[in-house]
Amino acid sequence: MNTCPLCHQDNATSFIRIDDFPLLLFPVSEYLKNKIEKKRLETYICADCNHIFRSPITEEDAQLIYNNYYAFYPFENLESMNEPYRIPFRRVFHDVYPTIQRPATLLEVGCGSSEQLGFFRTYGIKAFGIDRSVFVDKSSSDIISGVYEEYDFPHRFDTIVSRFSLEHLNDVHGFFRKVEQDLNADGVLFIQVPNVYAFAGSLIPLFLAHEHIHYFNPYSLHVAAVENGFQVVAAHYDGSQSIIFALRREDAPIRQRPMIIPKVPDGFYRDYLERRRVLAQDLTSVLSRTNHCYFYGAGLSLCWILYELKAMEKLVNVAVIDDNCLAQGKFLPHTSYRIANLEDAKFRKHSTMILSMNPVYHKNVISKIRASDFQGEVYNISNVGLSKLI
């Protein structure tokens, strides 16, 4: 695959490939842990806009993920419900709101439930939502169960919102074309997606998932918008794990000065892959010196260790700890490690602990470990690589 789906240049090369990668990366029951399908995930990167992408997801895999596996994904864990993502979005929306025609109507694509619409209604906006998942909240008359690109709305909207859904679409340009049909001429489109540029800069070793087709950096999202006749009028992305754009049509009656979004620095992702290789090498070296290892955090870093590095296969005794009660007592797909909380863990002497959660939680977790009866070495994975803390 050599053609970038956003800028259409024929300069895409292989990025990261993981064989036998589960279609769900969230803990499930013991009964289900070996029933989650595994498939190869191969990604590519464009040399022009540095967009990272995978080949389009098949309808069969989409049905498995959204209609089967998402039943095990807790709604409370949606990115748009989490404070680090929710608060910046609300700030951008609040700043742009004075330019929105009132009384306003709003459509949120991929909203999940009416709870997501509550914030917009505090502004007096008449808010609606649409979501393709079979688990969408059907109790609300303002939520449509369906595929946005296929739904024919009876009227246009003053505002359209897409939070953490654009990365799931095979056809990003098709989404923009549909928005052009559904958005009033002076309307505003708000988009929020994961910021892969920030993930790579923080040396997060795994940000891939089968259901994510696109891995945007600010410039590649800007390219997609401009290609479809939109311009960025407000944005938030510096130092943030999400990209938030407020967009208007280039020919909108309300004229605003467009923002200039810089390109990714040359060699940025090449440097990331090298730092990631060194991290894998250092981690493998530490694990080779211990038979007893505890992993604190059942998130994407642990999935990287499990499914790409396969570094836990040679360990005699392994335990997984997580503070999230939704994960405790469950198993990551195709593993035999029942996730426990710190208080229930049975520690062995001369063991090793790897902090495999988001670094923002490290300080609090270190305090909990020091107060426990754990005796051994503690390492963390952060933007500087693998570091020994205790």
Foldseek 3Di string as FASTA:
>chain_A
DQADLQQRDRHKDWADKFAQAFQDQAFDAPVCQAVTGGGIWTWIAHPPQRKIFTAADDPVSVCCVQAPVCVLPDPCPPPCNDDLNVVVQVVQCVVCVVQFDPPFEEEEEQQQECVSVVVVCVVVHHYAYEHQHPNGPPVDPRYHHHHQLPDDDPAAGQEYEYEAPCQQDNRNLSVLVSNVVRHPLQHKYKYKHFAVLLCLLWLVLDDDHSRGGIHDHVRSVQSNQVVSQKFFQDWDDVNGRMIITIIHGPPRPDDGDGDDDDGDDPCSSVVSVVLSVVLLVVVLVVLVVFQAEEEEDSDDQVSCCCRHVVSCPPHNHYEYEYPDPSQAQTDGRPDDHGYHHPVPDDEDAAYEYEYRHDPVCVVVVVVVVVVDPHHYWYWYQTSNHIDTDD
